[in-house]
Amino acid sequence: MIFVRHLCHVVSWIIVYLSMKKYPTQIKRFGKHIKKLREANNLTQIELGEKAELTSRTIQRIESGEFASTLHILIALGKALNLAPGDLLNEAINK
């Protein structure tokens, strides 16, 4: 069971890496959108990280476009910002 969980984690990170190579513009737009939402909610990166149960470094990397979010991060950010995960993606995809 631990091996399967570890394998899923590795596959997830491979997908994130490949996504960053294929969609760099959308990932940067997504990061800017998250930053704009965070600031509109008067949250620091630390506060958003705490609400989303992520590190402030992860928030920083997302906002700067250094990191492609996985599904669990989209869900966590959506909950923390009171938005559906799909609403978070619209800004990055529909431009």
Protein backbone atom coordinates (compact mmCIF):
# COMPACT_ATOMS: atom_id res chain seq x y z
CA MET A 1 0.00 0.00 0.00
CA ILE A 2 2.84 2.41 0.83
CA PHE A 3 4.50 1.59 -2.48
CA VAL A 4 1.32 2.37 -4.42
CA ARG A 5 0.92 5.68 -2.60
CA HIS A 6 4.56 6.55 -3.31
CA LEU A 7 4.18 5.57 -6.97
CA CYS A 8 1.09 7.77 -7.31
CA HIS A 9 3.03 10.67 -5.78
CA VAL A 10 5.91 10.18 -8.23
CA VAL A 11 3.54 10.00 -11.22
CA SER A 12 1.80 13.15 -10.00
CA TRP A 13 5.09 15.07 -9.92
CA ILE A 14 6.04 13.81 -13.38
CA ILE A 15 2.72 15.15 -14.70
CA VAL A 16 3.37 18.49 -12.98
CA TYR A 17 6.84 18.69 -14.55
CA LEU A 18 5.55 17.87 -18.03
CA SER A 19 2.69 20.37 -17.62
CA MET A 20 5.17 23.13 -16.79
CA LYS A 21 7.08 22.39 -20.00
CA LYS A 22 3.96 22.26 -22.17
CA TYR A 23 1.89 25.11 -20.68
CA PRO A 24 4.30 27.70 -19.21
CA THR A 25 2.16 30.71 -20.19
CA GLN A 26 -0.98 29.31 -18.58
CA ILE A 27 0.92 28.38 -15.43
CA LYS A 28 2.27 31.93 -15.10
CA ARG A 29 -1.23 33.37 -15.69
CA PHE A 30 -2.63 31.02 -13.06
CA GLY A 31 0.00 32.21 -10.58
CA LYS A 32 -0.82 35.86 -11.25
CA HIS A 33 -4.52 35.09 -10.81
CA ILE A 34 -3.89 33.38 -7.45
CA LYS A 35 -1.83 36.38 -6.32
CA LYS A 36 -4.60 38.78 -7.35
CA LEU A 37 -7.20 36.70 -5.47
CA ARG A 38 -4.96 36.47 -2.40
CA GLU A 39 -4.44 40.23 -2.35
CA ALA A 40 -8.17 40.88 -2.93
CA ASN A 41 -8.82 38.79 0.18
CA ASN A 42 -6.18 40.76 2.12
CA LEU A 43 -4.13 37.63 2.78
CA THR A 44 -0.38 37.25 3.00
CA GLN A 45 1.28 34.23 1.38
CA ILE A 46 1.69 32.80 4.88
CA GLU A 47 -2.00 33.28 5.70
CA LEU A 48 -3.17 31.73 2.42
CA GLY A 49 -0.76 28.86 2.97
CA GLU A 50 -2.18 28.25 6.43
CA LYS A 51 -5.78 28.37 5.17
CA ALA A 52 -4.95 26.00 2.30
CA GLU A 53 -2.68 23.81 4.47
CA LEU A 54 0.27 24.55 2.17
CA THR A 55 3.61 26.14 2.89
CA SER A 56 4.16 29.80 2.13
CA ARG A 57 6.99 28.65 -0.18
CA THR A 58 4.48 26.63 -2.22
CA ILE A 59 2.23 29.70 -2.50
CA GLN A 60 5.27 31.77 -3.55
CA ARG A 61 6.23 29.23 -6.22
CA ILE A 62 2.67 29.06 -7.57
CA GLU A 63 2.36 32.84 -7.76
CA SER A 64 5.70 33.20 -9.54
CA GLY A 65 4.86 30.50 -12.08
CA GLU A 66 7.60 28.16 -10.86
CA PHE A 67 5.13 25.43 -9.92
CA ALA A 68 2.22 23.76 -11.71
CA SER A 69 -0.51 22.96 -9.21
CA THR A 70 -1.75 19.45 -8.68
CA LEU A 71 -5.43 18.67 -8.21
CA HIS A 72 -5.17 18.53 -4.42
CA ILE A 73 -3.55 21.98 -4.39
CA LEU A 74 -6.32 23.39 -6.61
CA ILE A 75 -8.92 22.00 -4.23
CA ALA A 76 -7.08 23.38 -1.17
CA LEU A 77 -6.68 26.84 -2.74
CA GLY A 78 -10.32 26.86 -3.81
CA LYS A 79 -11.46 26.08 -0.28
CA ALA A 80 -9.15 28.71 1.19
CA LEU A 81 -10.38 31.38 -1.25
CA ASN A 82 -14.04 30.22 -1.23
CA LEU A 83 -13.98 29.43 -4.96
CA ALA A 84 -14.51 26.30 -7.01
CA PRO A 85 -11.26 24.88 -8.42
CA GLY A 86 -12.63 25.43 -11.93
CA ASP A 87 -13.07 29.13 -11.20
CA LEU A 88 -9.40 29.33 -10.28
CA LEU A 89 -8.42 27.88 -13.66
CA ASN A 90 -10.70 30.03 -15.83
CA GLU A 91 -8.42 33.05 -15.70
CA ALA A 92 -5.38 31.05 -16.85
CA ILE A 93 -7.13 29.03 -19.53
CA ASN A 94 -9.55 31.50 -21.09
CA LYS A 95 -7.10 34.15 -22.26
